[in-house]
């Protein structure tokens, strides 16, 4: 670290976020510790977000600020490989900068997620005190203060940071459910991932732009999960959670992927990790 100040770089994806941008940038400016780098990757906005960002040249509390505009043939919102491509564009830009090797942490912060003032102070202190942890995030709350917890132990993709050592060793790849895959990559390199439950972010939109359950079923097939894991999860969704349609679609998406031999993640080590995912969780291997 430089002068004991954590050096943090963040990447933010933006598409049609005009209602959130002003608040988001103010939250960044009001963080209790400075942000070394913020790269916003804007794509195909039609609501004025691009024009808004064109006027922002610098931010208080941010040493290096950059807006990158990219376009896709498919201009619809996608949370899979398209989102991962957008985030990776920001990471690749940061890697080219002279300050890259002096960074201590690198992370993702979505534009509709607003961290509390001490969020990055808390996360960086937590990682410094727990050097075995490579990725962390806080927990998400609604504006009304209600906790949004699908799994309070899974580091949130939209507000996480990596230590640079973990990021350089494990990497980030463009994949469906890249957040889940990046946790696997870290685990395979011997890193732990853990949430800091005292750190808080507020989100205006929770599960608004996510894919449907059938897509999630295919993504489980794509990663390499076993049919036993998927079947048990579909039963859990249908009966424990009372979401019968969601459970059915989750299983159907997996089965369809298998029968049609759809694309799977290429890395065999990752597929093996997910094939034994349930066993590894039960035995606390990761």
Protein backbone atom coordinates (compact mmCIF):
# COMPACT_ATOMS: atom_id res chain seq x y z
CA UNK A 1 0.00 0.00 0.00
CA UNK A 2 1.01 3.59 -0.55
CA UNK A 3 1.11 5.62 2.66
CA UNK A 4 -1.04 2.88 4.25
CA UNK A 5 -3.91 3.88 1.96
CA UNK A 6 -5.62 0.94 0.20
CA UNK A 7 -5.30 1.22 -3.57
CA UNK A 8 -8.66 0.13 -4.99
CA UNK A 9 -9.84 -0.13 -8.61
CA UNK A 10 -13.51 -0.64 -9.48
CA UNK A 11 -15.36 -1.54 -12.68
CA UNK A 12 -18.98 -0.55 -13.24
CA UNK A 13 -21.26 -1.71 -16.04
CA UNK A 14 -23.82 0.83 -17.25
CA UNK A 15 -26.79 0.36 -19.54
CA UNK A 16 -29.77 2.69 -19.23
CA UNK A 17 -28.97 3.80 -15.69
CA UNK A 18 -29.90 7.48 -15.96
CA UNK A 19 -32.08 7.24 -12.84
CA UNK A 20 -29.18 5.87 -10.78
CA UNK A 21 -26.07 7.60 -12.11
CA UNK A 22 -26.19 10.81 -10.09
CA UNK A 23 -26.69 8.99 -6.78
CA UNK A 24 -24.12 6.34 -7.70
CA UNK A 25 -21.37 8.87 -8.44
CA UNK A 26 -22.11 10.80 -5.26
CA UNK A 27 -21.84 7.60 -3.22
CA UNK A 28 -18.42 6.97 -4.76
CA UNK A 29 -17.31 10.53 -4.00
CA UNK A 30 -18.47 10.20 -0.40
CA UNK A 31 -16.57 6.98 0.44
CA UNK A 32 -14.51 7.40 3.58
CA UNK A 33 -11.36 6.25 1.75
CA UNK A 34 -10.31 7.34 -1.72
CA UNK A 35 -10.83 5.20 -4.81
CA UNK A 36 -7.72 4.84 -6.94
CA UNK A 37 -9.57 3.99 -10.14
CA UNK A 38 -13.15 3.83 -11.39
CA UNK A 39 -13.77 2.52 -14.91
CA UNK A 40 -17.35 2.73 -16.15
CA UNK A 41 -18.14 0.57 -19.17
CA UNK A 42 -21.26 1.94 -20.87
CA UNK A 43 -23.02 -0.13 -23.51
CA UNK A 44 -25.89 0.71 -25.84
CA UNK A 45 -27.74 3.10 -23.52
CA UNK A 46 -30.72 4.89 -25.05
CA UNK A 47 -31.98 6.75 -21.95
CA UNK A 48 -29.35 9.51 -21.81
CA UNK A 49 -26.80 7.62 -19.68
CA UNK A 50 -24.09 7.92 -22.33
CA UNK A 51 -24.65 11.66 -22.75
CA UNK A 52 -24.66 12.14 -18.98
CA UNK A 53 -21.34 10.34 -18.62
CA UNK A 54 -19.83 12.27 -21.53
CA UNK A 55 -20.06 15.37 -19.34
CA UNK A 56 -18.33 13.83 -16.31
CA UNK A 57 -14.59 14.44 -16.59
CA UNK A 58 -13.45 13.74 -13.04
CA UNK A 59 -14.77 12.74 -9.65
CA UNK A 60 -13.86 13.96 -6.21
CA UNK A 61 -12.22 11.13 -4.24
CA UNK A 62 -11.27 9.22 -7.43
CA UNK A 63 -7.73 9.50 -8.77
CA UNK A 64 -8.32 7.92 -12.19
CA UNK A 65 -11.76 8.05 -13.83
CA UNK A 66 -12.51 6.58 -17.23
CA UNK A 67 -15.66 5.95 -19.26
CA UNK A 68 -15.49 3.34 -22.02
CA UNK A 69 -18.31 3.07 -24.55
CA UNK A 70 -18.85 -0.28 -26.26
CA UNK A 71 -21.59 -1.66 -28.49
CA UNK A 72 -23.07 -5.07 -29.17
CA UNK A 73 -25.14 -6.47 -32.01
CA UNK A 74 -27.59 -7.66 -29.38
CA UNK A 75 -28.49 -4.47 -27.55
CA UNK A 76 -30.84 -6.09 -25.02
CA UNK A 77 -29.85 -6.41 -21.36
CA UNK A 78 -28.09 -9.69 -20.65
CA UNK A 79 -26.65 -10.88 -17.33
CA UNK A 80 -24.63 -13.81 -18.71
CA UNK A 81 -21.61 -13.70 -20.96
CA UNK A 82 -22.48 -10.22 -22.19
CA UNK A 83 -22.26 -8.78 -18.68
CA UNK A 84 -19.02 -10.68 -18.06
CA UNK A 85 -17.63 -9.27 -21.31
CA UNK A 86 -18.47 -5.74 -20.17
CA UNK A 87 -16.81 -6.25 -16.78
CA UNK A 88 -13.78 -7.90 -18.37
CA UNK A 89 -13.42 -4.91 -20.72
CA UNK A 90 -12.96 -2.75 -17.64
CA UNK A 91 -10.50 -5.16 -16.06
CA UNK A 92 -8.42 -5.32 -19.24
CA UNK A 93 -8.29 -1.52 -19.40
CA UNK A 94 -7.06 -1.36 -15.80
CA UNK A 95 -4.36 -3.94 -16.53
CA UNK A 96 -2.92 -1.57 -19.15
CA UNK A 97 -2.50 1.32 -16.71
CA UNK A 98 0.80 2.20 -15.06
CA UNK A 99 -0.72 1.95 -11.58
CA UNK A 100 -1.98 -1.63 -12.05
CA UNK A 101 0.89 -3.30 -10.21
CA UNK A 102 0.53 -0.93 -7.26
CA UNK A 103 -3.14 -1.83 -6.68
CA UNK A 104 -4.10 -3.71 -3.53
CA UNK A 105 -7.68 -4.54 -4.49
CA UNK A 106 -9.88 -4.71 -7.57
CA UNK A 107 -13.62 -5.11 -7.74
CA UNK A 108 -17.03 -4.75 -9.33
CA UNK A 109 -19.69 -2.25 -8.32
CA UNK A 110 -22.94 -2.17 -10.26
CA UNK A 111 -24.56 1.18 -10.92
CA UNK A 112 -27.79 0.34 -9.06
CA UNK A 113 -25.92 -0.65 -5.89
CA UNK A 114 -25.04 2.01 -3.33
CA UNK A 115 -22.45 1.15 -0.68
CA UNK A 116 -22.46 2.77 2.75
CA UNK A 117 -19.83 5.43 3.42
CA UNK A 118 -17.37 3.06 5.14
CA UNK A 119 -18.00 0.12 2.82
CA UNK A 120 -14.55 -0.06 1.23
CA UNK A 121 -12.81 0.82 4.48
CA UNK A 122 -14.54 -2.15 6.10
CA UNK A 123 -13.83 -4.56 3.24
CA UNK A 124 -10.16 -3.67 2.85
CA UNK A 125 -9.58 -3.83 6.62
CA UNK A 126 -11.30 -7.23 6.70
CA UNK A 127 -9.11 -8.59 3.91
CA UNK A 128 -5.94 -7.19 5.46
CA UNK A 129 -6.78 -8.89 8.75
CA UNK A 130 -7.68 -12.19 7.02
CA UNK A 131 -5.01 -12.85 4.37
CA UNK A 132 -6.43 -16.27 3.51
CA UNK A 133 -9.57 -14.60 2.07
CA UNK A 134 -9.29 -13.59 -1.58
CA UNK A 135 -12.77 -12.24 -2.36
CA UNK A 136 -15.28 -10.49 -0.14
CA UNK A 137 -18.41 -8.36 -0.25
CA UNK A 138 -20.98 -7.01 2.14
CA UNK A 139 -24.69 -7.82 2.22
CA UNK A 140 -27.46 -6.21 0.17
CA UNK A 141 -30.39 -4.35 1.67
CA UNK A 142 -33.43 -2.68 0.15
CA UNK A 143 -33.99 1.04 0.53
CA UNK A 144 -36.47 0.15 3.26
CA UNK A 145 -33.71 -1.58 5.21
CA UNK A 146 -34.82 -5.15 4.56
CA UNK A 147 -32.00 -7.65 4.09
CA UNK A 148 -31.95 -9.41 0.74
CA UNK A 149 -30.36 -12.75 1.51
CA UNK A 150 -30.34 -15.62 -0.94
CA UNK A 151 -27.13 -16.93 0.60
CA UNK A 152 -25.48 -14.65 3.14
CA UNK A 153 -22.21 -16.54 2.75
CA UNK A 154 -21.87 -16.04 -1.01
CA UNK A 155 -19.88 -12.95 -1.98
CA UNK A 156 -22.14 -10.69 -4.01
CA UNK A 157 -21.05 -10.25 -7.61
CA UNK A 158 -22.34 -6.70 -7.86
CA UNK A 159 -20.30 -5.28 -4.96
CA UNK A 160 -17.29 -7.54 -4.41
CA UNK A 161 -13.57 -6.94 -4.28
CA UNK A 162 -10.60 -9.26 -4.79
CA UNK A 163 -7.18 -8.92 -3.25
CA UNK A 164 -4.80 -8.35 -6.13
CA UNK A 165 -2.85 -11.50 -5.31
CA UNK A 166 -6.03 -13.57 -5.60
CA UNK A 167 -7.15 -11.76 -8.75
CA UNK A 168 -3.81 -12.29 -10.47
CA UNK A 169 -3.63 -15.96 -9.47
CA UNK A 170 -7.27 -16.92 -10.11
CA UNK A 171 -8.23 -14.49 -12.85
CA UNK A 172 -11.64 -13.57 -14.24
CA UNK A 173 -13.09 -15.36 -17.25
CA UNK A 174 -16.00 -14.56 -19.53
CA UNK A 175 -18.63 -17.16 -18.72
CA UNK A 176 -22.26 -17.59 -17.78
CA UNK A 177 -22.61 -16.85 -14.05
CA UNK A 178 -19.12 -15.36 -14.01
CA UNK A 179 -19.59 -14.38 -10.34
CA UNK A 180 -20.00 -18.02 -9.33
CA UNK A 181 -17.21 -19.15 -11.65
CA UNK A 182 -14.79 -16.58 -10.23
CA UNK A 183 -15.41 -17.92 -6.73
CA UNK A 184 -14.57 -21.39 -8.04
CA UNK A 185 -11.39 -20.10 -9.65
CA UNK A 186 -10.33 -18.55 -6.35
CA UNK A 187 -11.16 -21.70 -4.37
CA UNK A 188 -9.16 -23.85 -6.79
CA UNK A 189 -6.14 -21.65 -6.14
CA UNK A 190 -6.51 -22.13 -2.39
CA UNK A 191 -8.32 -18.88 -1.57
CA UNK A 192 -11.31 -18.57 0.73
CA UNK A 193 -14.24 -16.33 -0.12
CA UNK A 194 -16.34 -14.81 2.63
CA UNK A 195 -18.89 -12.06 3.15
CA UNK A 196 -18.43 -9.31 5.70
CA UNK A 197 -21.88 -9.13 7.23
CA UNK A 198 -21.29 -5.78 8.90
CA UNK A 199 -20.71 -4.13 5.50
CA UNK A 200 -23.85 -2.87 3.82
CA UNK A 201 -24.96 -1.90 0.33
CA UNK A 202 -28.39 -0.67 -0.68
CA UNK A 203 -29.98 -1.73 -3.95
CA UNK A 204 -32.98 -0.17 -5.65
CA UNK A 205 -33.37 -3.15 -7.94
CA UNK A 206 -33.18 -6.69 -6.63
CA UNK A 207 -33.73 -9.59 -9.01
CA UNK A 208 -35.32 -7.32 -11.61
CA UNK A 209 -32.99 -8.04 -14.51
CA UNK A 210 -32.11 -11.63 -13.79
CA UNK A 211 -32.60 -14.50 -16.19
CA UNK A 212 -35.49 -16.94 -15.77
CA UNK A 213 -35.24 -20.23 -13.89
CA UNK A 214 -34.90 -22.27 -17.08
CA UNK A 215 -31.80 -20.27 -17.97
CA UNK A 216 -30.46 -20.87 -14.47
CA UNK A 217 -30.98 -24.59 -14.98
CA UNK A 218 -28.97 -24.46 -18.18
CA UNK A 219 -26.27 -22.47 -16.41
CA UNK A 220 -26.02 -25.25 -13.82
CA UNK A 221 -25.48 -27.69 -16.70
CA UNK A 222 -23.00 -25.28 -18.30
CA UNK A 223 -20.91 -25.15 -15.12
CA UNK A 224 -20.93 -28.93 -14.70
CA UNK A 225 -23.21 -29.54 -11.73
CA UNK A 226 -24.43 -33.11 -11.25
CA UNK A 227 -28.03 -34.10 -11.96
CA UNK A 228 -28.35 -35.08 -8.27
CA UNK A 229 -27.50 -31.52 -7.17
CA UNK A 230 -29.93 -30.02 -9.69
CA UNK A 231 -32.73 -32.44 -8.79
CA UNK A 232 -32.36 -31.72 -5.07
CA UNK A 233 -32.27 -27.99 -5.69
CA UNK A 234 -35.39 -28.16 -7.85
CA UNK A 235 -37.18 -30.05 -5.05
CA UNK A 236 -36.01 -27.42 -2.57
CA UNK A 237 -37.35 -24.61 -4.74
CA UNK A 238 -40.64 -26.39 -5.39
CA UNK A 239 -41.47 -27.65 -1.91
CA UNK A 240 -39.36 -25.87 0.70
CA UNK A 241 -39.74 -22.48 -0.97
CA UNK A 242 -43.18 -23.15 -2.47
CA UNK A 243 -42.03 -22.04 -5.93
CA UNK A 244 -43.21 -24.99 -8.01
CA UNK A 245 -42.81 -23.35 -11.41
CA UNK A 246 -39.31 -22.16 -10.56
CA UNK A 247 -38.27 -25.63 -9.42
CA UNK A 248 -39.70 -27.30 -12.52
CA UNK A 249 -38.08 -24.78 -14.89
CA UNK A 250 -34.72 -25.08 -13.16
CA UNK A 251 -34.71 -28.85 -13.68
CA UNK A 252 -36.10 -28.52 -17.22
CA UNK A 253 -33.36 -26.08 -18.21
CA UNK A 254 -30.68 -28.48 -17.02
CA UNK A 255 -32.23 -31.50 -18.75
CA UNK A 256 -32.70 -29.59 -22.00
CA UNK A 257 -29.07 -28.54 -21.92
CA UNK A 258 -27.99 -32.15 -21.45
CA UNK A 259 -30.22 -33.60 -24.17
CA UNK A 260 -29.29 -30.92 -26.70
CA UNK A 261 -25.62 -31.13 -25.71
CA UNK A 262 -25.42 -27.39 -25.30
CA UNK A 263 -22.13 -25.64 -24.66
CA UNK A 264 -20.42 -26.26 -21.33
CA UNK A 265 -17.61 -24.37 -19.64
CA UNK A 266 -14.38 -25.45 -21.33
CA UNK A 267 -12.12 -25.66 -18.28
CA UNK A 268 -12.23 -29.30 -17.11
CA UNK A 269 -10.95 -28.42 -13.66
CA UNK A 270 -13.87 -26.03 -13.21
CA UNK A 271 -16.36 -28.65 -14.38
CA UNK A 272 -14.93 -31.10 -11.86
CA UNK A 273 -15.22 -28.45 -9.12
CA UNK A 274 -18.93 -28.01 -9.87
CA UNK A 275 -19.58 -31.74 -10.35
CA UNK A 276 -18.56 -32.29 -6.71
CA UNK A 277 -19.95 -28.94 -5.55
CA UNK A 278 -22.48 -30.37 -3.08
CA UNK A 279 -19.98 -32.79 -1.55
CA UNK A 280 -17.34 -30.08 -1.20
CA UNK A 281 -19.83 -27.79 0.54
CA UNK A 282 -20.93 -30.52 2.93
CA UNK A 283 -17.33 -31.32 3.81
CA UNK A 284 -16.36 -27.64 3.97
CA UNK A 285 -13.53 -28.23 1.53
CA UNK A 286 -13.94 -24.70 0.20
